[in-house]
Amino acid sequence: MEKIRKEYRFTGRVQGVGFRYHAYHTAQRLGITGWVQNCYDGSVAAQAQGHPDALQDFKALLGQGRYIVIDAVEEREIPVDGEERGFRILH
């Protein structure tokens, strides 16, 4: 199965609740590469690359953090980055 890459924007209670670290560990567990970072408007942006089923699981699992409340998720498919090898938290 081919890899795909998606760009996400999460809104809700997603900053100051461990969302980025939860995303990092979830991505590691699922074999997903990409990055996650807080945005100035209080949302969190992410790009994730992997098998479609893994990305679906990634998105579903992110809402299961202890204090995380996702009100909405915008997502779109973007081109795959063939050079990317890990998942990072951007500051």
C-alpha atoms as a PDB file:
ATOM      1  CA  MET A   1       0.000   0.000   0.000  1.00  0.00           C
ATOM      2  CA  GLU A   2       1.331   3.424  -0.940  1.00  0.00           C
ATOM      3  CA  LYS A   3       2.071   6.122   1.594  1.00  0.00           C
ATOM      4  CA  ILE A   4       0.074   9.336   1.613  1.00  0.00           C
ATOM      5  CA  ARG A   5       0.646  12.662   3.382  1.00  0.00           C
ATOM      6  CA  LYS A   6      -1.985  14.828   5.028  1.00  0.00           C
ATOM      7  CA  GLU A   7      -1.959  18.306   6.472  1.00  0.00           C
ATOM      8  CA  TYR A   8      -4.161  18.866   9.530  1.00  0.00           C
ATOM      9  CA  ARG A   9      -5.384  21.847  11.556  1.00  0.00           C
ATOM     10  CA  PHE A  10      -6.873  20.924  14.953  1.00  0.00           C
ATOM     11  CA  THR A  11      -8.978  23.399  16.921  1.00  0.00           C
ATOM     12  CA  GLY A  12     -10.439  23.162  20.405  1.00  0.00           C
ATOM     13  CA  ARG A  13      -8.568  22.609  23.661  1.00  0.00           C
ATOM     14  CA  VAL A  14      -5.383  21.517  21.926  1.00  0.00           C
ATOM     15  CA  GLN A  15      -2.685  23.784  23.389  1.00  0.00           C
ATOM     16  CA  GLY A  16      -1.297  23.461  26.901  1.00  0.00           C
ATOM     17  CA  VAL A  17      -2.699  19.934  27.295  1.00  0.00           C
ATOM     18  CA  GLY A  18       0.133  17.779  25.920  1.00  0.00           C
ATOM     19  CA  PHE A  19      -1.325  17.511  22.420  1.00  0.00           C
ATOM     20  CA  ARG A  20       2.005  17.783  20.569  1.00  0.00           C
ATOM     21  CA  TYR A  21       3.669  15.142  22.756  1.00  0.00           C
ATOM     22  CA  HIS A  22       0.637  12.878  22.406  1.00  0.00           C
ATOM     23  CA  ALA A  23       0.850  13.334  18.610  1.00  0.00           C
ATOM     24  CA  TYR A  24       4.582  12.552  18.659  1.00  0.00           C
ATOM     25  CA  HIS A  25       4.207   9.323  20.628  1.00  0.00           C
ATOM     26  CA  THR A  26       1.159   8.245  18.622  1.00  0.00           C
ATOM     27  CA  ALA A  27       3.026   8.816  15.353  1.00  0.00           C
ATOM     28  CA  GLN A  28       6.032   6.849  16.640  1.00  0.00           C
ATOM     29  CA  ARG A  29       3.793   3.937  17.594  1.00  0.00           C
ATOM     30  CA  LEU A  30       2.068   3.917  14.173  1.00  0.00           C
ATOM     31  CA  GLY A  31       5.208   4.368  12.053  1.00  0.00           C
ATOM     32  CA  ILE A  32       4.135   7.816  10.826  1.00  0.00           C
ATOM     33  CA  THR A  33       6.555  10.562   9.820  1.00  0.00           C
ATOM     34  CA  GLY A  34       5.897  14.306   9.807  1.00  0.00           C
ATOM     35  CA  TRP A  35       5.643  17.123  12.329  1.00  0.00           C
ATOM     36  CA  VAL A  36       3.324  18.947  14.723  1.00  0.00           C
ATOM     37  CA  GLN A  37       3.374  22.535  16.029  1.00  0.00           C
ATOM     38  CA  ASN A  38       1.305  25.076  17.925  1.00  0.00           C
ATOM     39  CA  CYS A  39      -0.095  27.995  15.926  1.00  0.00           C
ATOM     40  CA  TYR A  40      -0.520  31.556  17.139  1.00  0.00           C
ATOM     41  CA  ASP A  41      -4.320  31.382  16.831  1.00  0.00           C
ATOM     42  CA  GLY A  42      -4.545  28.587  19.449  1.00  0.00           C
ATOM     43  CA  SER A  43      -4.863  25.745  16.949  1.00  0.00           C
ATOM     44  CA  VAL A  44      -2.324  23.002  16.253  1.00  0.00           C
ATOM     45  CA  ALA A  45      -1.003  22.248  12.750  1.00  0.00           C
ATOM     46  CA  ALA A  46       0.442  18.915  11.704  1.00  0.00           C
ATOM     47  CA  GLN A  47       1.605  17.035   8.673  1.00  0.00           C
ATOM     48  CA  ALA A  48       1.597  13.250   8.821  1.00  0.00           C
ATOM     49  CA  GLN A  49       2.795  10.695   6.307  1.00  0.00           C
ATOM     50  CA  GLY A  50       2.217   6.977   6.256  1.00  0.00           C
ATOM     51  CA  HIS A  51      -0.179   4.301   5.146  1.00  0.00           C
ATOM     52  CA  PRO A  52      -3.809   5.488   4.883  1.00  0.00           C
ATOM     53  CA  ASP A  53      -5.011   3.195   7.697  1.00  0.00           C
ATOM     54  CA  ALA A  54      -2.252   4.471  10.002  1.00  0.00           C
ATOM     55  CA  LEU A  55      -3.237   8.091   9.293  1.00  0.00           C
ATOM     56  CA  GLN A  56      -6.857   7.299  10.047  1.00  0.00           C
ATOM     57  CA  ASP A  57      -5.809   5.726  13.359  1.00  0.00           C
ATOM     58  CA  PHE A  58      -3.514   8.706  14.090  1.00  0.00           C
ATOM     59  CA  LYS A  59      -6.355  11.189  13.741  1.00  0.00           C
ATOM     60  CA  ALA A  60      -8.727   9.071  15.828  1.00  0.00           C
ATOM     61  CA  LEU A  61      -6.212   8.470  18.625  1.00  0.00           C
ATOM     62  CA  LEU A  62      -5.263  12.146  18.959  1.00  0.00           C
ATOM     63  CA  GLY A  63      -8.682  12.929  20.412  1.00  0.00           C
ATOM     64  CA  GLN A  64      -8.199  10.362  23.166  1.00  0.00           C
ATOM     65  CA  GLY A  65      -5.674  12.359  25.182  1.00  0.00           C
ATOM     66  CA  ARG A  66      -6.559  12.975  28.798  1.00  0.00           C
ATOM     67  CA  TYR A  67      -7.261  16.735  28.616  1.00  0.00           C
ATOM     68  CA  ILE A  68      -7.472  17.155  24.849  1.00  0.00           C
ATOM     69  CA  VAL A  69     -10.782  18.279  23.337  1.00  0.00           C
ATOM     70  CA  ILE A  70     -10.796  18.523  19.534  1.00  0.00           C
ATOM     71  CA  ASP A  71     -13.710  20.632  18.299  1.00  0.00           C
ATOM     72  CA  ALA A  72     -12.825  20.476  14.596  1.00  0.00           C
ATOM     73  CA  VAL A  73     -10.214  19.076  12.226  1.00  0.00           C
ATOM     74  CA  GLU A  74      -9.424  20.458   8.793  1.00  0.00           C
ATOM     75  CA  GLU A  75      -7.446  18.087   6.616  1.00  0.00           C
ATOM     76  CA  ARG A  76      -6.221  17.841   3.069  1.00  0.00           C
ATOM     77  CA  GLU A  77      -3.970  15.491   1.173  1.00  0.00           C
ATOM     78  CA  ILE A  78      -0.631  16.948   0.099  1.00  0.00           C
ATOM     79  CA  PRO A  79       2.398  15.551  -1.795  1.00  0.00           C
ATOM     80  CA  VAL A  80       4.498  12.853  -0.093  1.00  0.00           C
ATOM     81  CA  ASP A  81       7.960  13.851   1.173  1.00  0.00           C
ATOM     82  CA  GLY A  82      10.234  10.998   0.118  1.00  0.00           C
ATOM     83  CA  GLU A  83      13.159  12.288   2.216  1.00  0.00           C
ATOM     84  CA  GLU A  84      11.387  12.431   5.585  1.00  0.00           C
ATOM     85  CA  ARG A  85      12.485   9.844   8.142  1.00  0.00           C
ATOM     86  CA  GLY A  86      10.889  10.742  11.491  1.00  0.00           C
ATOM     87  CA  PHE A  87       8.228  12.705  13.356  1.00  0.00           C
ATOM     88  CA  ARG A  88       9.171  16.008  15.006  1.00  0.00           C
ATOM     89  CA  ILE A  89       7.686  18.551  17.350  1.00  0.00           C
ATOM     90  CA  LEU A  90       8.304  22.006  15.889  1.00  0.00           C
ATOM     91  CA  HIS A  91       8.559  25.043  18.158  1.00  0.00           C
END
